Amino acid sequence: MKTQRLIPMLPVRNMPASVEFYTRFGFRVESRNDEWRWAILAFDDCRLMLDESIHQPPDIARTAVVYLYPDDIFAYHREMRRRGLDVPQITHPSYGMSEFRMEGPDGNRLWIEQKNDVGE
């Protein structure tokens, strides 16, 4: 038996605002139901669900970390800035990655990473 796919569902307080943020981040809306306050977004072969209903009760913080691995982190970083996002500088931590980290409107964290080439 083999698991074929994993789709994280992030709790959000305002689904339309979160959809707008993640589409600027590079995702596109694959399916959306405003009555349910739910959406599924796609970015190439990756999927991400956003849902207001799982954020119950509203006073309890629930956040997630989503790792994204573009094939060219530097080009992706430039594209996010071109789209108007306030993107931090790319860092090169000691564990062999180039990365930058962002936070969505609900505190969900997006960590964008690429393994450094040998010798970098």
Protein backbone atom coordinates (compact mmCIF):
# COMPACT_ATOMS: atom_id res chain seq x y z
CA MET A 1 0.00 0.00 0.00
CA LYS A 2 1.27 3.47 -0.88
CA THR A 3 -0.05 6.87 0.15
CA GLN A 4 -0.52 8.94 -2.97
CA ARG A 5 -1.08 12.45 -1.66
CA LEU A 6 -1.21 14.70 1.39
CA ILE A 7 -3.22 17.93 1.42
CA PRO A 8 -2.92 20.12 4.51
CA MET A 9 -6.04 22.01 5.61
CA LEU A 10 -5.21 25.29 7.33
CA PRO A 11 -7.54 26.95 9.80
CA VAL A 12 -8.28 30.51 8.72
CA ARG A 13 -10.38 33.32 10.18
CA ASN A 14 -11.33 34.88 6.84
CA MET A 15 -11.34 32.51 3.88
CA PRO A 16 -11.66 35.19 1.14
CA ALA A 17 -8.74 37.21 2.58
CA SER A 18 -6.64 34.05 2.87
CA VAL A 19 -7.46 33.01 -0.69
CA GLU A 20 -6.32 36.44 -1.88
CA PHE A 21 -3.04 36.11 0.07
CA TYR A 22 -2.22 32.60 -1.17
CA THR A 23 -3.08 33.42 -4.80
CA ARG A 24 -0.58 36.29 -4.60
CA PHE A 25 1.83 33.71 -3.20
CA GLY A 26 1.47 31.67 -6.40
CA PHE A 27 -1.46 29.34 -5.73
CA ARG A 28 -4.60 29.29 -7.89
CA VAL A 29 -8.14 28.46 -6.79
CA GLU A 30 -9.01 24.91 -7.79
CA SER A 31 -12.35 24.79 -5.95
CA ARG A 32 -14.11 27.20 -3.63
CA ASN A 33 -17.35 27.19 -1.67
CA ASP A 34 -18.12 30.54 -0.04
CA GLU A 35 -21.15 29.08 1.78
CA TRP A 36 -18.93 26.52 3.50
CA ARG A 37 -16.10 29.11 3.86
CA TRP A 38 -13.73 26.58 2.32
CA ALA A 39 -11.35 26.51 -0.65
CA ILE A 40 -8.75 24.22 -2.17
CA LEU A 41 -5.81 25.87 -3.87
CA ALA A 42 -3.26 24.43 -6.28
CA PHE A 43 0.35 25.30 -7.00
CA ASP A 44 1.68 22.99 -9.69
CA ASP A 45 1.20 19.50 -8.17
CA CYS A 46 0.72 20.82 -4.61
CA ARG A 47 -2.64 21.37 -2.94
CA LEU A 48 -3.67 23.36 0.12
CA MET A 49 -7.12 23.64 1.74
CA LEU A 50 -8.29 26.72 3.65
CA ASP A 51 -11.25 26.39 6.02
CA GLU A 52 -12.91 28.70 8.52
CA SER A 53 -14.96 25.96 10.22
CA ILE A 54 -11.97 24.15 11.74
CA HIS A 55 -10.97 27.30 13.61
CA GLN A 56 -13.33 26.55 16.51
CA PRO A 57 -13.35 27.96 19.11
CA PRO A 58 -12.04 31.20 17.63
CA ASP A 59 -10.02 32.22 20.71
CA ILE A 60 -7.71 29.20 20.54
CA ALA A 61 -4.68 29.69 18.31
CA ARG A 62 -4.14 26.96 15.73
CA THR A 63 -1.39 27.35 13.22
CA ALA A 64 0.46 25.10 10.85
CA VAL A 65 3.77 25.13 9.01
CA VAL A 66 3.71 24.40 5.28
CA TYR A 67 7.03 23.73 3.55
CA LEU A 68 7.30 24.67 -0.12
CA TYR A 69 10.23 23.49 -2.24
CA PRO A 70 10.51 25.45 -5.51
CA ASP A 71 13.07 24.30 -8.03
CA ASP A 72 14.62 27.80 -8.04
CA ILE A 73 14.16 29.59 -4.73
CA PHE A 74 15.84 32.77 -6.02
CA ALA A 75 13.46 33.12 -8.99
CA TYR A 76 10.50 32.30 -6.75
CA HIS A 77 11.65 34.91 -4.21
CA ARG A 78 11.87 37.58 -6.94
CA GLU A 79 8.40 36.61 -8.21
CA MET A 80 6.85 36.94 -4.74
CA ARG A 81 8.31 40.44 -4.43
CA ARG A 82 7.03 41.30 -7.92
CA ARG A 83 3.57 40.26 -6.75
CA GLY A 84 3.77 42.78 -3.93
CA LEU A 85 4.43 40.50 -0.96
CA ASP A 86 6.74 41.71 1.80
CA VAL A 87 9.20 38.84 1.46
CA PRO A 88 12.18 38.56 3.84
CA GLN A 89 15.70 37.99 2.58
CA ILE A 90 16.83 34.48 1.70
CA THR A 91 19.04 33.04 4.42
CA HIS A 92 21.52 30.17 4.33
CA PRO A 93 21.36 28.36 7.69
CA SER A 94 24.01 25.86 8.72
CA TYR A 95 21.88 22.83 7.76
CA GLY A 96 22.52 23.22 4.02
CA MET A 97 19.39 24.99 2.80
CA SER A 98 18.55 28.34 1.27
CA GLU A 99 15.28 29.53 2.74
CA PHE A 100 12.89 32.30 3.58
CA ARG A 101 9.93 32.18 5.92
CA MET A 102 6.63 34.00 5.79
CA GLU A 103 3.42 34.10 7.75
CA GLY A 104 -0.07 34.08 6.27
CA PRO A 105 -2.87 36.35 7.49
CA ASP A 106 -3.91 33.79 10.14
CA GLY A 107 -0.47 33.01 11.50
CA ASN A 108 0.05 29.88 9.41
CA ARG A 109 3.71 29.71 8.53
CA LEU A 110 5.14 29.15 5.06
CA TRP A 111 8.73 28.00 4.95
CA ILE A 112 10.22 28.04 1.47
CA GLU A 113 13.40 26.03 1.08
CA GLN A 114 15.83 24.66 -1.46
CA LYS A 115 18.78 22.38 -0.77
CA ASN A 116 22.06 24.11 -1.51
CA ASP A 117 24.18 22.63 -4.25
CA VAL A 118 27.33 20.86 -3.13
CA GLY A 119 30.04 23.42 -2.59
CA GLU A 120 27.75 26.39 -1.93
